[in-house]
C-alpha atoms as a PDB file:
ATOM      1  CA  UNK A   1       5.600  -0.960 -17.798  1.00  0.00           C
ATOM      2  CA  UNK A   2       5.514  -2.217 -14.202  1.00  0.00           C
ATOM      3  CA  UNK A   3       6.213  -0.518 -10.887  1.00  0.00           C
ATOM      4  CA  UNK A   4       9.924  -1.272 -11.056  1.00  0.00           C
ATOM      5  CA  UNK A   5      10.099   0.611 -14.340  1.00  0.00           C
ATOM      6  CA  UNK A   6       8.675   3.918 -13.136  1.00  0.00           C
ATOM      7  CA  UNK A   7       9.940   6.983 -14.988  1.00  0.00           C
ATOM      8  CA  UNK A   8      12.719   8.820 -13.147  1.00  0.00           C
ATOM      9  CA  UNK A   9      10.528  11.911 -12.892  1.00  0.00           C
ATOM     10  CA  UNK A  10       8.208  10.005 -10.545  1.00  0.00           C
ATOM     11  CA  UNK A  11      10.905   8.642  -8.258  1.00  0.00           C
ATOM     12  CA  UNK A  12      11.984  10.222  -5.013  1.00  0.00           C
ATOM     13  CA  UNK A  13      15.349   9.413  -3.485  1.00  0.00           C
ATOM     14  CA  UNK A  14      14.870   8.854   0.225  1.00  0.00           C
ATOM     15  CA  UNK A  15      17.431  10.997   1.998  1.00  0.00           C
ATOM     16  CA  UNK A  16      17.890   8.511   4.860  1.00  0.00           C
ATOM     17  CA  UNK A  17      18.450   5.325   2.863  1.00  0.00           C
ATOM     18  CA  UNK A  18      19.272   3.798  -0.485  1.00  0.00           C
ATOM     19  CA  UNK A  19      15.625   2.875  -1.085  1.00  0.00           C
ATOM     20  CA  UNK A  20      14.050   4.479  -4.092  1.00  0.00           C
ATOM     21  CA  UNK A  21      10.419   5.117  -3.281  1.00  0.00           C
ATOM     22  CA  UNK A  22       8.570   5.178  -6.592  1.00  0.00           C
ATOM     23  CA  UNK A  23       5.509   7.345  -6.706  1.00  0.00           C
ATOM     24  CA  UNK A  24       5.486   8.250  -3.014  1.00  0.00           C
ATOM     25  CA  UNK A  25       3.550  11.326  -4.009  1.00  0.00           C
ATOM     26  CA  UNK A  26       2.250   9.376  -6.990  1.00  0.00           C
ATOM     27  CA  UNK A  27      -1.029  10.012  -8.637  1.00  0.00           C
ATOM     28  CA  UNK A  28      -4.433   8.471  -8.403  1.00  0.00           C
ATOM     29  CA  UNK A  29      -4.216   4.935  -6.990  1.00  0.00           C
ATOM     30  CA  UNK A  30      -6.714   2.102  -7.285  1.00  0.00           C
ATOM     31  CA  UNK A  31      -6.179  -0.873  -4.982  1.00  0.00           C
ATOM     32  CA  UNK A  32      -7.766  -4.072  -6.300  1.00  0.00           C
ATOM     33  CA  UNK A  33      -8.601  -6.600  -3.584  1.00  0.00           C
ATOM     34  CA  UNK A  34      -9.997 -10.120  -3.520  1.00  0.00           C
ATOM     35  CA  UNK A  35     -10.008 -11.156   0.162  1.00  0.00           C
ATOM     36  CA  UNK A  36     -11.287 -14.722  -0.410  1.00  0.00           C
ATOM     37  CA  UNK A  37     -11.393 -17.328  -3.161  1.00  0.00           C
ATOM     38  CA  UNK A  38     -14.959 -16.271  -3.886  1.00  0.00           C
ATOM     39  CA  UNK A  39     -14.842 -14.078  -6.991  1.00  0.00           C
ATOM     40  CA  UNK A  40     -17.770 -12.045  -5.669  1.00  0.00           C
ATOM     41  CA  UNK A  41     -15.456 -10.771  -2.886  1.00  0.00           C
ATOM     42  CA  UNK A  42     -13.528  -8.709  -5.453  1.00  0.00           C
ATOM     43  CA  UNK A  43     -13.619  -4.987  -4.867  1.00  0.00           C
ATOM     44  CA  UNK A  44     -11.535  -1.901  -5.364  1.00  0.00           C
ATOM     45  CA  UNK A  45     -10.525   1.057  -3.229  1.00  0.00           C
ATOM     46  CA  UNK A  46      -9.970   4.454  -4.832  1.00  0.00           C
ATOM     47  CA  UNK A  47      -7.391   6.922  -3.456  1.00  0.00           C
ATOM     48  CA  UNK A  48      -5.976  10.240  -4.658  1.00  0.00           C
ATOM     49  CA  UNK A  49      -2.351   9.109  -4.119  1.00  0.00           C
ATOM     50  CA  UNK A  50      -0.091   6.218  -3.136  1.00  0.00           C
ATOM     51  CA  UNK A  51       0.299   7.813   0.299  1.00  0.00           C
ATOM     52  CA  UNK A  52      -3.467   7.834   0.844  1.00  0.00           C
ATOM     53  CA  UNK A  53      -3.728   4.244  -0.407  1.00  0.00           C
ATOM     54  CA  UNK A  54      -1.098   3.024   2.082  1.00  0.00           C
ATOM     55  CA  UNK A  55      -2.772   4.982   4.865  1.00  0.00           C
ATOM     56  CA  UNK A  56      -6.090   3.352   3.939  1.00  0.00           C
ATOM     57  CA  UNK A  57      -4.524  -0.118   3.858  1.00  0.00           C
ATOM     58  CA  UNK A  58      -3.007   0.351   7.320  1.00  0.00           C
ATOM     59  CA  UNK A  59      -6.281   1.718   8.725  1.00  0.00           C
ATOM     60  CA  UNK A  60      -8.217  -1.249   7.291  1.00  0.00           C
ATOM     61  CA  UNK A  61      -5.755  -3.643   8.934  1.00  0.00           C
ATOM     62  CA  UNK A  62      -5.959  -1.765  12.249  1.00  0.00           C
ATOM     63  CA  UNK A  63      -9.783  -1.861  12.044  1.00  0.00           C
ATOM     64  CA  UNK A  64      -9.604  -5.639  11.600  1.00  0.00           C
ATOM     65  CA  UNK A  65      -7.276  -5.946  14.607  1.00  0.00           C
ATOM     66  CA  UNK A  66      -9.641  -3.838  16.739  1.00  0.00           C
ATOM     67  CA  UNK A  67     -12.515  -6.108  15.720  1.00  0.00           C
ATOM     68  CA  UNK A  68     -10.532  -9.158  16.801  1.00  0.00           C
ATOM     69  CA  UNK A  69      -9.437  -7.491  20.070  1.00  0.00           C
ATOM     70  CA  UNK A  70     -12.338  -5.238  21.134  1.00  0.00           C
ATOM     71  CA  UNK A  71     -11.287  -5.007  24.783  1.00  0.00           C
ATOM     72  CA  UNK A  72      -7.761  -3.773  24.090  1.00  0.00           C
ATOM     73  CA  UNK A  73      -7.313  -0.025  24.534  1.00  0.00           C
ATOM     74  CA  UNK A  74      -4.229   0.098  22.313  1.00  0.00           C
ATOM     75  CA  UNK A  75      -3.503  -2.002  19.263  1.00  0.00           C
ATOM     76  CA  UNK A  76       0.101  -2.619  18.264  1.00  0.00           C
ATOM     77  CA  UNK A  77       1.508  -4.747  15.478  1.00  0.00           C
ATOM     78  CA  UNK A  78       4.712  -5.572  13.667  1.00  0.00           C
ATOM     79  CA  UNK A  79       5.315  -5.007   9.964  1.00  0.00           C
ATOM     80  CA  UNK A  80       5.321  -8.794   9.545  1.00  0.00           C
ATOM     81  CA  UNK A  81       1.699  -8.833  10.779  1.00  0.00           C
ATOM     82  CA  UNK A  82       0.734  -6.339   8.076  1.00  0.00           C
ATOM     83  CA  UNK A  83       2.641  -8.393   5.484  1.00  0.00           C
ATOM     84  CA  UNK A  84       0.744 -11.519   6.589  1.00  0.00           C
ATOM     85  CA  UNK A  85      -2.548  -9.612   6.221  1.00  0.00           C
ATOM     86  CA  UNK A  86      -1.592  -8.630   2.671  1.00  0.00           C
ATOM     87  CA  UNK A  87      -0.385 -12.144   1.828  1.00  0.00           C
ATOM     88  CA  UNK A  88      -3.583 -13.788   3.101  1.00  0.00           C
ATOM     89  CA  UNK A  89      -5.586 -11.883   0.501  1.00  0.00           C
ATOM     90  CA  UNK A  90      -6.372 -14.165  -2.432  1.00  0.00           C
ATOM     91  CA  UNK A  91      -5.393 -11.278  -4.699  1.00  0.00           C
ATOM     92  CA  UNK A  92      -4.234  -7.711  -4.168  1.00  0.00           C
ATOM     93  CA  UNK A  93      -2.667  -5.290  -6.586  1.00  0.00           C
ATOM     94  CA  UNK A  94      -2.613  -1.583  -7.311  1.00  0.00           C
ATOM     95  CA  UNK A  95      -2.919   0.589 -10.359  1.00  0.00           C
ATOM     96  CA  UNK A  96      -1.015   3.862  -9.981  1.00  0.00           C
ATOM     97  CA  UNK A  97      -1.479   6.708 -12.405  1.00  0.00           C
ATOM     98  CA  UNK A  98       1.715   7.976 -14.009  1.00  0.00           C
ATOM     99  CA  UNK A  99       1.413  11.249 -15.925  1.00  0.00           C
ATOM    100  CA  UNK A 100       4.275  10.106 -18.127  1.00  0.00           C
ATOM    101  CA  UNK A 101       3.308   7.869 -20.038  1.00  0.00           C
ATOM    102  CA  UNK A 102      -0.269   8.935 -19.150  1.00  0.00           C
ATOM    103  CA  UNK A 103      -1.205   5.445 -18.004  1.00  0.00           C
ATOM    104  CA  UNK A 104      -1.944   3.369 -14.920  1.00  0.00           C
ATOM    105  CA  UNK A 105       1.026   1.258 -13.844  1.00  0.00           C
ATOM    106  CA  UNK A 106       0.198  -2.201 -12.377  1.00  0.00           C
ATOM    107  CA  UNK A 107       1.838  -2.977  -9.031  1.00  0.00           C
ATOM    108  CA  UNK A 108       1.891  -6.329  -7.216  1.00  0.00           C
ATOM    109  CA  UNK A 109       1.712  -7.386  -3.555  1.00  0.00           C
ATOM    110  CA  UNK A 110       5.475  -7.077  -3.073  1.00  0.00           C
ATOM    111  CA  UNK A 111       5.360  -3.476  -4.236  1.00  0.00           C
ATOM    112  CA  UNK A 112       2.388  -2.792  -1.933  1.00  0.00           C
ATOM    113  CA  UNK A 113       4.298  -4.270   1.019  1.00  0.00           C
ATOM    114  CA  UNK A 114       7.331  -2.103   0.240  1.00  0.00           C
ATOM    115  CA  UNK A 115       5.137   0.996   0.044  1.00  0.00           C
ATOM    116  CA  UNK A 116       3.361   0.091   3.302  1.00  0.00           C
ATOM    117  CA  UNK A 117       6.737  -0.325   5.032  1.00  0.00           C
ATOM    118  CA  UNK A 118       7.914   3.064   3.737  1.00  0.00           C
ATOM    119  CA  UNK A 119       4.633   4.660   4.797  1.00  0.00           C
ATOM    120  CA  UNK A 120       4.880   3.328   8.363  1.00  0.00           C
ATOM    121  CA  UNK A 121       8.593   4.201   8.553  1.00  0.00           C
ATOM    122  CA  UNK A 122       7.823   7.776   7.486  1.00  0.00           C
ATOM    123  CA  UNK A 123       5.021   7.998  10.070  1.00  0.00           C
ATOM    124  CA  UNK A 124       7.457   6.862  12.754  1.00  0.00           C
ATOM    125  CA  UNK A 125       9.934   9.578  11.781  1.00  0.00           C
ATOM    126  CA  UNK A 126       7.254  12.254  12.222  1.00  0.00           C
ATOM    127  CA  UNK A 127       6.474  11.238  15.815  1.00  0.00           C
END
């Protein structure tokens, strides 16, 4: 099973679009990251949900931008900048717990980018 084959019980139909947002409130999420070609750079980030994982990913990216631009009071970026950050990682994937079938579902970079987009879009709606 892969992220595109998530059980219907874990899917949420977004009321404002045709996008199906699998596991938006999904379970425990482990993000596996290898920032460089060096295998010793491999690490993982542990989150209670997909939402928290996407929030963590965006905050990590924003932290990197602040480090590159320490004199700027406000940091802004486009979704394409976040996508480029994800793509520049040698490897990035996620494992998302699905109660049915009681397993972790592997998710690739494209899925992570889609979830990050949805996360930022939802944040924008709340402002």
